[in-house]
Amino acid sequence: MKQNWKPGTMIYPLPALLISCGSSEENYNLMTVSWAGTLCTNPPMCYISVRPERHSYPIIKETGEFVINLTTETLAYATDWCGVKSGKDFRKFEEMKLTPVAGSIVKAPLIKESPLSIECKVKDIIPLGSHDMFIADVVNVVADSQYIDQETGAFDLAAARLLVYTHGHYYKMGEEIGKFGWTVQKKKKNNG
């Protein structure tokens, strides 16, 4: 039997992301975000949704830039801590012993310990209610070479052991069960 519930945000799992922002070391900050995603492939665009009362909100609004840093099982503690502590009270990079690295295009820092960082420039801000959506152009992607297959050049996201968020809890990713198009892929004939 199924039950009706009041409308709510039940689309899970979501990425557990560390968003870095700020244009100088004095105002660098990190915040944890899961309300995020891809909007368009060509041109590459994404979004993050942020509560206006968050410390990072005016920093991103003023600079028009941020970096989406994917997180891993190793970064789980820092991911949670940066989500519950405010940048008004803590210098999060220092507290979590994370390394800010200069972006190639944006002034906002990347997190060296992240396997993949996505440099973003804000295109639009849409007030939605509890959160405002920052729609952004992806202007650069920085990948840790230890996760790049040297033969194919493909990024091995599974090897990075990414972290996901589901309704108040963090999880590590599970076993692969297929790939895009596997249901229609032609099977090799067995000539034996």
C-alpha atoms as a PDB file:
ATOM      1  CA  MET A   1       0.000   0.000   0.000  1.00  0.00           C
ATOM      2  CA  LYS A   2       1.241   3.535  -0.770  1.00  0.00           C
ATOM      3  CA  GLN A   3       0.629   6.666   1.297  1.00  0.00           C
ATOM      4  CA  ASN A   4       0.229  10.302   0.329  1.00  0.00           C
ATOM      5  CA  TRP A   5       2.593  12.708   2.061  1.00  0.00           C
ATOM      6  CA  LYS A   6       2.630  16.474   2.048  1.00  0.00           C
ATOM      7  CA  PRO A   7       4.802  17.952  -0.751  1.00  0.00           C
ATOM      8  CA  GLY A   8       8.489  17.849   0.100  1.00  0.00           C
ATOM      9  CA  THR A   9      11.992  17.429  -1.255  1.00  0.00           C
ATOM     10  CA  MET A  10      12.376  13.680  -1.611  1.00  0.00           C
ATOM     11  CA  ILE A  11      14.551  13.398  -4.722  1.00  0.00           C
ATOM     12  CA  TYR A  12      17.537  11.417  -3.439  1.00  0.00           C
ATOM     13  CA  PRO A  13      20.410  10.619  -3.489  1.00  0.00           C
ATOM     14  CA  LEU A  14      22.063  13.973  -4.120  1.00  0.00           C
ATOM     15  CA  PRO A  15      25.701  14.946  -4.344  1.00  0.00           C
ATOM     16  CA  ALA A  16      27.339  16.074  -1.104  1.00  0.00           C
ATOM     17  CA  LEU A  17      29.330  19.046  -2.364  1.00  0.00           C
ATOM     18  CA  LEU A  18      31.714  21.546  -0.865  1.00  0.00           C
ATOM     19  CA  ILE A  19      31.234  24.945  -2.453  1.00  0.00           C
ATOM     20  CA  SER A  20      34.207  27.275  -2.215  1.00  0.00           C
ATOM     21  CA  CYS A  21      33.899  31.001  -2.690  1.00  0.00           C
ATOM     22  CA  GLY A  22      35.663  34.290  -2.083  1.00  0.00           C
ATOM     23  CA  SER A  23      38.052  36.396  -4.103  1.00  0.00           C
ATOM     24  CA  SER A  24      40.920  36.630  -1.589  1.00  0.00           C
ATOM     25  CA  GLU A  25      42.276  34.514   1.258  1.00  0.00           C
ATOM     26  CA  GLU A  26      40.662  36.872   3.779  1.00  0.00           C
ATOM     27  CA  ASN A  27      37.152  36.005   2.587  1.00  0.00           C
ATOM     28  CA  TYR A  28      37.581  32.430   1.346  1.00  0.00           C
ATOM     29  CA  ASN A  29      34.774  30.248   2.624  1.00  0.00           C
ATOM     30  CA  LEU A  30      33.365  26.750   2.264  1.00  0.00           C
ATOM     31  CA  MET A  31      29.797  25.558   2.596  1.00  0.00           C
ATOM     32  CA  THR A  32      28.143  22.214   2.089  1.00  0.00           C
ATOM     33  CA  VAL A  33      25.410  22.038  -0.544  1.00  0.00           C
ATOM     34  CA  SER A  34      23.287  19.202  -1.874  1.00  0.00           C
ATOM     35  CA  TRP A  35      20.662  21.243  -3.727  1.00  0.00           C
ATOM     36  CA  ALA A  36      22.732  21.306  -6.911  1.00  0.00           C
ATOM     37  CA  GLY A  37      22.806  19.846 -10.369  1.00  0.00           C
ATOM     38  CA  THR A  38      23.356  20.035 -14.095  1.00  0.00           C
ATOM     39  CA  LEU A  39      21.163  22.361 -16.146  1.00  0.00           C
ATOM     40  CA  CYS A  40      22.583  22.132 -19.653  1.00  0.00           C
ATOM     41  CA  THR A  41      25.286  20.325 -21.610  1.00  0.00           C
ATOM     42  CA  ASN A  42      25.899  22.863 -24.370  1.00  0.00           C
ATOM     43  CA  PRO A  43      26.742  25.390 -23.063  1.00  0.00           C
ATOM     44  CA  PRO A  44      27.723  23.634 -19.843  1.00  0.00           C
ATOM     45  CA  MET A  45      25.633  25.053 -17.001  1.00  0.00           C
ATOM     46  CA  CYS A  46      24.827  24.036 -13.449  1.00  0.00           C
ATOM     47  CA  TYR A  47      23.138  25.409 -10.368  1.00  0.00           C
ATOM     48  CA  ILE A  48      23.373  25.526  -6.612  1.00  0.00           C
ATOM     49  CA  SER A  49      20.527  26.605  -4.343  1.00  0.00           C
ATOM     50  CA  VAL A  50      21.535  28.580  -1.255  1.00  0.00           C
ATOM     51  CA  ARG A  51      19.632  30.100   1.655  1.00  0.00           C
ATOM     52  CA  PRO A  52      20.142  33.906   1.679  1.00  0.00           C
ATOM     53  CA  GLU A  53      21.097  33.806   5.378  1.00  0.00           C
ATOM     54  CA  ARG A  54      24.130  31.590   4.703  1.00  0.00           C
ATOM     55  CA  HIS A  55      27.491  33.350   5.146  1.00  0.00           C
ATOM     56  CA  SER A  56      28.578  32.367   1.612  1.00  0.00           C
ATOM     57  CA  TYR A  57      25.460  33.803  -0.053  1.00  0.00           C
ATOM     58  CA  PRO A  58      26.573  37.475  -0.192  1.00  0.00           C
ATOM     59  CA  ILE A  59      30.123  36.423  -1.110  1.00  0.00           C
ATOM     60  CA  ILE A  60      28.870  34.505  -4.155  1.00  0.00           C
ATOM     61  CA  LYS A  61      26.370  37.224  -5.033  1.00  0.00           C
ATOM     62  CA  GLU A  62      29.066  39.924  -4.894  1.00  0.00           C
ATOM     63  CA  THR A  63      31.854  38.030  -6.700  1.00  0.00           C
ATOM     64  CA  GLY A  64      29.613  36.194  -9.156  1.00  0.00           C
ATOM     65  CA  GLU A  65      31.800  33.097  -8.829  1.00  0.00           C
ATOM     66  CA  PHE A  66      32.031  29.816  -6.959  1.00  0.00           C
ATOM     67  CA  VAL A  67      33.605  26.386  -7.272  1.00  0.00           C
ATOM     68  CA  ILE A  68      31.769  23.085  -6.905  1.00  0.00           C
ATOM     69  CA  ASN A  69      34.121  20.561  -5.303  1.00  0.00           C
ATOM     70  CA  LEU A  70      33.095  16.898  -5.347  1.00  0.00           C
ATOM     71  CA  THR A  71      33.594  15.162  -2.020  1.00  0.00           C
ATOM     72  CA  THR A  72      34.813  11.708  -1.106  1.00  0.00           C
ATOM     73  CA  GLU A  73      34.586   9.301   1.802  1.00  0.00           C
ATOM     74  CA  THR A  74      37.851  10.820   3.050  1.00  0.00           C
ATOM     75  CA  LEU A  75      36.265  14.292   3.007  1.00  0.00           C
ATOM     76  CA  ALA A  76      33.066  13.187   4.808  1.00  0.00           C
ATOM     77  CA  TYR A  77      33.958  14.783   8.150  1.00  0.00           C
ATOM     78  CA  ALA A  78      34.925  18.103   6.536  1.00  0.00           C
ATOM     79  CA  THR A  79      31.807  18.018   4.355  1.00  0.00           C
ATOM     80  CA  ASP A  80      29.498  17.699   7.328  1.00  0.00           C
ATOM     81  CA  TRP A  81      31.440  20.136   9.531  1.00  0.00           C
ATOM     82  CA  CYS A  82      31.441  22.828   6.827  1.00  0.00           C
ATOM     83  CA  GLY A  83      27.666  22.420   6.566  1.00  0.00           C
ATOM     84  CA  VAL A  84      26.926  22.972  10.254  1.00  0.00           C
ATOM     85  CA  LYS A  85      29.528  25.631  11.112  1.00  0.00           C
ATOM     86  CA  SER A  86      29.384  29.205   9.838  1.00  0.00           C
ATOM     87  CA  GLY A  87      32.141  31.025   8.001  1.00  0.00           C
ATOM     88  CA  LYS A  88      31.272  34.015  10.200  1.00  0.00           C
ATOM     89  CA  ASP A  89      32.831  32.139  13.109  1.00  0.00           C
ATOM     90  CA  PHE A  90      35.474  29.902  11.513  1.00  0.00           C
ATOM     91  CA  ARG A  91      38.093  29.915   8.791  1.00  0.00           C
ATOM     92  CA  LYS A  92      36.951  26.611   7.370  1.00  0.00           C
ATOM     93  CA  PHE A  93      39.925  25.812   5.140  1.00  0.00           C
ATOM     94  CA  GLU A  94      42.218  26.127   8.161  1.00  0.00           C
ATOM     95  CA  GLU A  95      39.898  24.336  10.603  1.00  0.00           C
ATOM     96  CA  MET A  96      39.484  21.331   8.293  1.00  0.00           C
ATOM     97  CA  LYS A  97      43.118  21.388   7.116  1.00  0.00           C
ATOM     98  CA  LEU A  98      42.014  21.731   3.494  1.00  0.00           C
ATOM     99  CA  THR A  99      44.225  23.393   0.911  1.00  0.00           C
ATOM    100  CA  PRO A 100      42.883  26.318  -1.136  1.00  0.00           C
ATOM    101  CA  VAL A 101      44.270  26.328  -4.678  1.00  0.00           C
ATOM    102  CA  ALA A 102      43.926  29.192  -7.139  1.00  0.00           C
ATOM    103  CA  GLY A 103      41.368  28.638  -9.845  1.00  0.00           C
ATOM    104  CA  SER A 104      42.369  28.862 -13.488  1.00  0.00           C
ATOM    105  CA  ILE A 105      39.472  31.128 -14.483  1.00  0.00           C
ATOM    106  CA  VAL A 106      37.702  32.239 -11.286  1.00  0.00           C
ATOM    107  CA  LYS A 107      39.152  33.923  -8.201  1.00  0.00           C
ATOM    108  CA  ALA A 108      37.304  31.529  -5.881  1.00  0.00           C
ATOM    109  CA  PRO A 109      39.629  28.788  -4.607  1.00  0.00           C
ATOM    110  CA  LEU A 110      39.491  25.105  -5.457  1.00  0.00           C
ATOM    111  CA  ILE A 111      39.979  22.448  -2.788  1.00  0.00           C
ATOM    112  CA  LYS A 112      43.202  20.561  -3.530  1.00  0.00           C
ATOM    113  CA  GLU A 113      41.896  17.449  -1.755  1.00  0.00           C
ATOM    114  CA  SER A 114      38.791  17.241  -3.997  1.00  0.00           C
ATOM    115  CA  PRO A 115      39.003  14.795  -6.922  1.00  0.00           C
ATOM    116  CA  LEU A 116      37.123  17.180  -9.219  1.00  0.00           C
ATOM    117  CA  SER A 117      36.468  20.916  -9.022  1.00  0.00           C
ATOM    118  CA  ILE A 118      34.088  22.828 -11.291  1.00  0.00           C
ATOM    119  CA  GLU A 119      34.771  26.544 -11.726  1.00  0.00           C
ATOM    120  CA  CYS A 120      31.522  28.491 -12.159  1.00  0.00           C
ATOM    121  CA  LYS A 121      30.469  32.040 -13.076  1.00  0.00           C
ATOM    122  CA  VAL A 122      27.005  33.130 -11.963  1.00  0.00           C
ATOM    123  CA  LYS A 123      24.676  33.863 -14.862  1.00  0.00           C
ATOM    124  CA  ASP A 124      21.456  34.489 -12.936  1.00  0.00           C
ATOM    125  CA  ILE A 125      19.998  34.341  -9.433  1.00  0.00           C
ATOM    126  CA  ILE A 126      16.412  33.179  -9.077  1.00  0.00           C
ATOM    127  CA  PRO A 127      14.644  33.682  -5.720  1.00  0.00           C
ATOM    128  CA  LEU A 128      12.578  30.555  -5.056  1.00  0.00           C
ATOM    129  CA  GLY A 129      11.463  30.759  -1.408  1.00  0.00           C
ATOM    130  CA  SER A 130      13.694  29.292   1.302  1.00  0.00           C
ATOM    131  CA  HIS A 131      16.571  29.146  -1.230  1.00  0.00           C
ATOM    132  CA  ASP A 132      17.796  31.219  -4.161  1.00  0.00           C
ATOM    133  CA  MET A 133      19.089  29.359  -7.205  1.00  0.00           C
ATOM    134  CA  PHE A 134      22.465  30.469  -8.566  1.00  0.00           C
ATOM    135  CA  ILE A 135      22.503  29.483 -12.235  1.00  0.00           C
ATOM    136  CA  ALA A 136      26.067  29.368 -13.489  1.00  0.00           C
ATOM    137  CA  ASP A 137      28.162  28.792 -16.565  1.00  0.00           C
ATOM    138  CA  VAL A 138      30.818  26.113 -16.109  1.00  0.00           C
ATOM    139  CA  VAL A 139      34.029  27.853 -17.188  1.00  0.00           C
ATOM    140  CA  ASN A 140      36.604  25.200 -16.237  1.00  0.00           C
ATOM    141  CA  VAL A 141      36.872  21.727 -14.740  1.00  0.00           C
ATOM    142  CA  VAL A 142      39.941  20.612 -12.798  1.00  0.00           C
ATOM    143  CA  ALA A 143      40.423  16.855 -12.356  1.00  0.00           C
ATOM    144  CA  ASP A 144      42.936  15.096 -10.120  1.00  0.00           C
ATOM    145  CA  SER A 145      45.184  13.130 -12.489  1.00  0.00           C
ATOM    146  CA  GLN A 146      45.274  10.098 -10.157  1.00  0.00           C
ATOM    147  CA  TYR A 147      41.690   9.345 -11.262  1.00  0.00           C
ATOM    148  CA  ILE A 148      42.278   9.721 -15.001  1.00  0.00           C
ATOM    149  CA  ASP A 149      42.731   6.534 -17.013  1.00  0.00           C
ATOM    150  CA  GLN A 150      46.018   6.999 -18.886  1.00  0.00           C
ATOM    151  CA  GLU A 151      44.833   4.952 -21.883  1.00  0.00           C
ATOM    152  CA  THR A 152      41.356   6.382 -22.421  1.00  0.00           C
ATOM    153  CA  GLY A 153      41.639   9.777 -20.726  1.00  0.00           C
ATOM    154  CA  ALA A 154      38.351   9.042 -18.918  1.00  0.00           C
ATOM    155  CA  PHE A 155      37.799  10.224 -15.358  1.00  0.00           C
ATOM    156  CA  ASP A 156      37.105   7.303 -13.012  1.00  0.00           C
ATOM    157  CA  LEU A 157      34.520   8.720 -10.626  1.00  0.00           C
ATOM    158  CA  ALA A 158      34.068   5.339  -8.923  1.00  0.00           C
ATOM    159  CA  ALA A 159      37.755   5.221  -7.952  1.00  0.00           C
ATOM    160  CA  ALA A 160      37.358   8.614  -6.255  1.00  0.00           C
ATOM    161  CA  ARG A 161      34.859   7.049  -3.793  1.00  0.00           C
ATOM    162  CA  LEU A 162      32.392   9.917  -3.966  1.00  0.00           C
ATOM    163  CA  LEU A 163      30.067  10.885  -1.152  1.00  0.00           C
ATOM    164  CA  VAL A 164      26.290  11.267  -1.584  1.00  0.00           C
ATOM    165  CA  TYR A 165      23.583  12.707   0.648  1.00  0.00           C
ATOM    166  CA  THR A 166      20.192  11.102   1.276  1.00  0.00           C
ATOM    167  CA  HIS A 167      17.616  12.713   3.535  1.00  0.00           C
ATOM    168  CA  GLY A 168      19.976  13.854   6.295  1.00  0.00           C
ATOM    169  CA  HIS A 169      22.587  11.104   5.929  1.00  0.00           C
ATOM    170  CA  TYR A 170      25.839  10.659   4.011  1.00  0.00           C
ATOM    171  CA  TYR A 171      26.592   7.482   2.067  1.00  0.00           C
ATOM    172  CA  LYS A 172      29.392   6.070   0.003  1.00  0.00           C
ATOM    173  CA  MET A 173      28.522   5.038  -3.516  1.00  0.00           C
ATOM    174  CA  GLY A 174      27.758   1.411  -4.292  1.00  0.00           C
ATOM    175  CA  GLU A 175      28.595  -1.152  -6.919  1.00  0.00           C
ATOM    176  CA  GLU A 176      28.068  -0.376 -10.620  1.00  0.00           C
ATOM    177  CA  ILE A 177      25.093  -2.233 -12.109  1.00  0.00           C
ATOM    178  CA  GLY A 178      25.222  -0.909 -15.666  1.00  0.00           C
ATOM    179  CA  LYS A 179      26.243   1.978 -17.896  1.00  0.00           C
ATOM    180  CA  PHE A 180      24.293   4.366 -20.081  1.00  0.00           C
ATOM    181  CA  GLY A 181      22.807   2.413 -22.984  1.00  0.00           C
ATOM    182  CA  TRP A 182      23.574  -1.048 -21.600  1.00  0.00           C
ATOM    183  CA  THR A 183      19.947  -2.118 -22.058  1.00  0.00           C
ATOM    184  CA  VAL A 184      20.121  -1.652 -25.828  1.00  0.00           C
ATOM    185  CA  GLN A 185      23.772  -2.484 -26.420  1.00  0.00           C
ATOM    186  CA  LYS A 186      24.313  -5.224 -28.985  1.00  0.00           C
ATOM    187  CA  LYS A 187      25.622  -8.382 -27.450  1.00  0.00           C
ATOM    188  CA  LYS A 188      28.749 -10.002 -28.853  1.00  0.00           C
ATOM    189  CA  LYS A 189      28.088 -13.288 -30.609  1.00  0.00           C
ATOM    190  CA  ASN A 190      29.720 -16.258 -29.041  1.00  0.00           C
ATOM    191  CA  ASN A 191      31.347 -18.313 -31.784  1.00  0.00           C
ATOM    192  CA  GLY A 192      32.448 -21.106 -29.456  1.00  0.00           C
END
